């Protein structure tokens, strides 16, 4: 005669639920660790290698030049970085004097891509000494001389006194997206801001700080 099986007790069901819950929590923790250490999207890194002014002219209280910037962009993600809506902006005394769109493109996973941008900056007026000083010299940090008279130095440009150096700011922005686990897309962007010191006498780049 076969004895009927007893239904599982409530204590057995509770133990099974606890074990299943612990297992699920463990799986979630492992998944989060893998995501944040391996697959979490990261912003690309821009490194400015060189800044040059192939042509430069100053006269009649204004300046014009050709601006060239050479950078490397590193994609640290495990998926390609597709960039779009990217640009380089030049500022002088707080005003935009130059702008260039960067063509859309793609940087493969883990790769570093070399990029170069060259564009002409139309003639713009040199800031008056007081305006240049206010726009380029912080209250606590000294800088190289801006346009204007600095410590009594400076040449004469049609009656307008010009200091030995001028400073422009270069802002590069790259916006795009990358995929996570080949299913989800994530927005990432990269930014770079550099202050470039230029000799007014010949347009040579004396240095830049990013």
Protein backbone atom coordinates (compact mmCIF):
# COMPACT_ATOMS: atom_id res chain seq x y z
CA UNK A 1 0.00 0.00 0.00
CA UNK A 2 1.44 3.35 -1.09
CA UNK A 3 1.47 6.04 1.54
CA UNK A 4 0.28 9.46 0.34
CA UNK A 5 2.93 12.21 0.27
CA UNK A 6 2.50 14.97 2.77
CA UNK A 7 2.19 18.46 1.26
CA UNK A 8 5.23 20.67 1.89
CA UNK A 9 5.03 22.53 5.12
CA UNK A 10 4.91 26.34 5.34
CA UNK A 11 8.41 26.33 6.83
CA UNK A 12 9.80 24.57 3.74
CA UNK A 13 8.14 27.09 1.41
CA UNK A 14 9.56 29.99 3.42
CA UNK A 15 13.07 28.53 3.24
CA UNK A 16 12.78 28.11 -0.52
CA UNK A 17 11.66 31.73 -0.93
CA UNK A 18 14.55 32.97 1.20
CA UNK A 19 17.08 30.99 -0.85
CA UNK A 20 15.58 32.25 -4.13
CA UNK A 21 15.62 35.86 -2.89
CA UNK A 22 19.26 35.62 -1.78
CA UNK A 23 20.18 34.15 -5.17
CA UNK A 24 18.42 36.94 -7.05
CA UNK A 25 20.08 39.62 -4.90
CA UNK A 26 23.45 37.99 -5.55
CA UNK A 27 22.82 37.98 -9.32
CA UNK A 28 21.77 41.66 -9.26
CA UNK A 29 24.89 42.63 -7.29
CA UNK A 30 27.14 40.78 -9.73
CA UNK A 31 25.38 42.42 -12.68
CA UNK A 32 25.81 45.91 -11.16
CA UNK A 33 29.49 45.29 -10.46
CA UNK A 34 30.08 44.15 -14.06
CA UNK A 35 28.14 47.14 -15.41
CA UNK A 36 29.96 49.80 -13.37
CA UNK A 37 33.41 48.30 -13.91
CA UNK A 38 33.20 47.12 -17.52
CA UNK A 39 30.19 48.39 -19.45
CA UNK A 40 29.32 51.74 -17.83
CA UNK A 41 29.52 54.44 -20.54
CA UNK A 42 32.39 56.92 -20.09
CA UNK A 43 32.92 60.33 -21.66
CA UNK A 44 35.67 60.44 -24.32
CA UNK A 45 38.84 62.35 -23.48
CA UNK A 46 40.22 65.20 -25.61
CA UNK A 47 43.93 66.01 -25.46
CA UNK A 48 45.17 69.13 -27.24
CA UNK A 49 48.58 68.39 -28.76
CA UNK A 50 49.33 71.61 -30.62
CA UNK A 51 47.94 75.04 -31.51
CA UNK A 52 49.27 77.03 -34.46
CA UNK A 53 48.48 80.21 -36.35
CA UNK A 54 49.69 79.63 -39.95
CA UNK A 55 48.84 83.22 -40.90
CA UNK A 56 48.52 86.31 -38.74
CA UNK A 57 48.10 90.01 -39.41
CA UNK A 58 47.46 93.04 -37.21
CA UNK A 59 46.73 96.62 -38.21
CA UNK A 60 44.20 99.42 -37.90
CA UNK A 61 43.37 98.35 -34.37
CA UNK A 62 42.23 94.89 -35.55
CA UNK A 63 43.67 91.41 -35.99
CA UNK A 64 42.94 88.44 -38.23
CA UNK A 65 44.54 84.99 -38.46
CA UNK A 66 44.18 81.35 -39.43
CA UNK A 67 43.70 79.04 -36.47
CA UNK A 68 44.85 75.40 -36.38
CA UNK A 69 44.29 72.99 -33.50
CA UNK A 70 45.53 69.40 -33.36
CA UNK A 71 43.99 67.00 -30.85
CA UNK A 72 43.63 63.33 -29.99
CA UNK A 73 40.28 61.94 -28.87
CA UNK A 74 40.25 58.69 -26.87
CA UNK A 75 37.14 56.52 -26.68
CA UNK A 76 37.41 54.44 -23.46
CA UNK A 77 34.13 52.59 -24.05
CA UNK A 78 33.63 49.00 -25.20
CA UNK A 79 31.46 50.25 -28.06
CA UNK A 80 31.98 52.77 -30.84
CA UNK A 81 31.51 56.48 -30.09
CA UNK A 82 29.40 58.15 -32.79
CA UNK A 83 29.84 61.92 -32.54
CA UNK A 84 27.72 64.68 -34.03
CA UNK A 85 26.74 68.28 -33.25
CA UNK A 86 30.39 69.06 -32.44
CA UNK A 87 32.26 72.32 -32.81
CA UNK A 88 35.25 74.53 -31.97
CA UNK A 89 34.62 78.05 -30.67
CA UNK A 90 37.18 80.85 -30.29
CA UNK A 91 36.67 83.65 -27.76
CA UNK A 92 38.52 86.92 -27.27
CA UNK A 93 37.69 89.24 -24.37
CA UNK A 94 34.54 87.22 -23.75
CA UNK A 95 33.19 87.51 -27.32
CA UNK A 96 33.10 84.86 -30.01
CA UNK A 97 35.50 85.62 -32.87
CA UNK A 98 35.67 82.22 -34.60
CA UNK A 99 33.57 79.08 -35.00
CA UNK A 100 33.79 75.78 -36.86
CA UNK A 101 31.52 72.72 -37.02
CA UNK A 102 33.23 69.34 -36.70
CA UNK A 103 31.94 66.77 -39.21
CA UNK A 104 30.12 63.77 -37.75
CA UNK A 105 32.14 60.60 -37.40
CA UNK A 106 32.82 57.46 -35.40
CA UNK A 107 35.65 56.35 -33.11
CA UNK A 108 35.83 52.61 -32.56
CA UNK A 109 35.84 51.04 -29.10
CA UNK A 110 39.04 51.61 -27.15
CA UNK A 111 40.64 53.58 -29.99
CA UNK A 112 42.34 56.98 -30.04
CA UNK A 113 41.76 59.15 -33.09
CA UNK A 114 43.88 62.06 -34.30
CA UNK A 115 41.93 65.12 -35.43
CA UNK A 116 42.96 68.45 -36.95
CA UNK A 117 40.89 71.58 -37.51
CA UNK A 118 41.96 74.69 -39.46
CA UNK A 119 39.79 77.69 -40.22
CA UNK A 120 40.13 81.40 -40.91
CA UNK A 121 39.20 83.95 -38.26
CA UNK A 122 37.86 87.15 -39.76
CA UNK A 123 39.26 90.50 -38.68
CA UNK A 124 38.05 91.69 -35.29
CA UNK A 125 38.95 94.77 -33.24
CA UNK A 126 41.49 94.63 -30.47
CA UNK A 127 39.99 95.34 -27.06
CA UNK A 128 40.72 98.67 -25.44
CA UNK A 129 43.36 98.34 -22.69
CA UNK A 130 40.89 98.56 -19.81
CA UNK A 131 38.50 96.07 -21.44
CA UNK A 132 41.26 93.58 -22.16
CA UNK A 133 42.61 93.81 -18.66
CA UNK A 134 39.17 93.26 -17.14
CA UNK A 135 38.44 90.31 -19.44
CA UNK A 136 41.73 88.46 -19.13
CA UNK A 137 43.19 89.13 -15.67
CA UNK A 138 41.49 87.34 -12.73
CA UNK A 139 41.44 88.98 -9.31
CA UNK A 140 43.68 86.33 -7.73
CA UNK A 141 45.69 84.71 -10.54
CA UNK A 142 48.28 86.64 -12.58
CA UNK A 143 48.48 85.99 -16.32
CA UNK A 144 50.67 86.93 -19.23
CA UNK A 145 50.04 90.35 -20.69
CA UNK A 146 46.83 90.86 -22.66
CA UNK A 147 46.19 93.40 -25.33
CA UNK A 148 46.86 96.81 -23.85
CA UNK A 149 49.63 98.53 -21.94
CA UNK A 150 51.28 96.29 -19.35
CA UNK A 151 53.79 97.75 -16.97
CA UNK A 152 54.64 100.52 -19.39
CA UNK A 153 55.51 98.17 -22.25
CA UNK A 154 53.85 98.00 -25.65
CA UNK A 155 54.20 99.28 -29.15
CA UNK A 156 52.15 101.79 -31.08
CA UNK A 157 49.58 100.77 -33.69
CA UNK A 158 48.22 103.89 -35.40
CA UNK A 159 48.02 105.68 -32.09
CA UNK A 160 46.65 102.59 -30.31
CA UNK A 161 48.97 101.08 -27.74
CA UNK A 162 49.30 97.30 -28.10
CA UNK A 163 50.85 94.99 -25.53
CA UNK A 164 53.33 92.25 -26.42
CA UNK A 165 50.81 89.42 -26.16
CA UNK A 166 47.12 88.66 -26.56
CA UNK A 167 45.10 85.75 -25.23
CA UNK A 168 42.29 83.80 -26.88
CA UNK A 169 40.23 80.91 -25.56
CA UNK A 170 39.51 77.76 -27.55
CA UNK A 171 36.47 75.64 -26.62
CA UNK A 172 35.99 72.27 -28.28
CA UNK A 173 32.85 70.19 -27.70
CA UNK A 174 32.02 66.75 -29.08
CA UNK A 175 28.56 65.30 -28.42
CA UNK A 176 27.47 61.81 -29.40
CA UNK A 177 26.32 58.43 -28.21
CA UNK A 178 27.59 54.94 -27.50
CA UNK A 179 25.84 51.61 -27.04
CA UNK A 180 25.66 49.55 -23.86
CA UNK A 181 25.60 45.75 -24.33
CA UNK A 182 24.58 46.41 -27.97
CA UNK A 183 21.02 47.15 -26.87
CA UNK A 184 20.87 50.54 -25.15
CA UNK A 185 22.22 53.89 -26.34
CA UNK A 186 23.77 56.38 -23.95
CA UNK A 187 24.59 60.06 -24.53
CA UNK A 188 28.23 61.00 -23.91
CA UNK A 189 30.22 64.13 -24.64
CA UNK A 190 33.75 65.47 -24.44
CA UNK A 191 34.90 69.03 -23.79
CA UNK A 192 38.20 70.86 -23.90
CA UNK A 193 38.96 74.48 -22.99
CA UNK A 194 42.34 76.04 -23.67
CA UNK A 195 43.80 79.51 -23.15
CA UNK A 196 46.27 80.39 -25.91
CA UNK A 197 48.86 83.15 -25.54
CA UNK A 198 49.91 84.77 -28.83
CA UNK A 199 52.72 87.21 -29.59
CA UNK A 200 51.16 90.25 -31.26
CA UNK A 201 54.37 91.07 -33.14
CA UNK A 202 54.38 87.96 -35.37
CA UNK A 203 51.44 85.74 -34.32
CA UNK A 204 53.59 82.99 -32.84
CA UNK A 205 51.95 80.83 -30.16
CA UNK A 206 53.89 81.35 -26.94
CA UNK A 207 51.99 78.68 -25.05
CA UNK A 208 48.60 77.23 -24.23
CA UNK A 209 47.00 75.86 -21.09
CA UNK A 210 44.10 73.39 -21.15
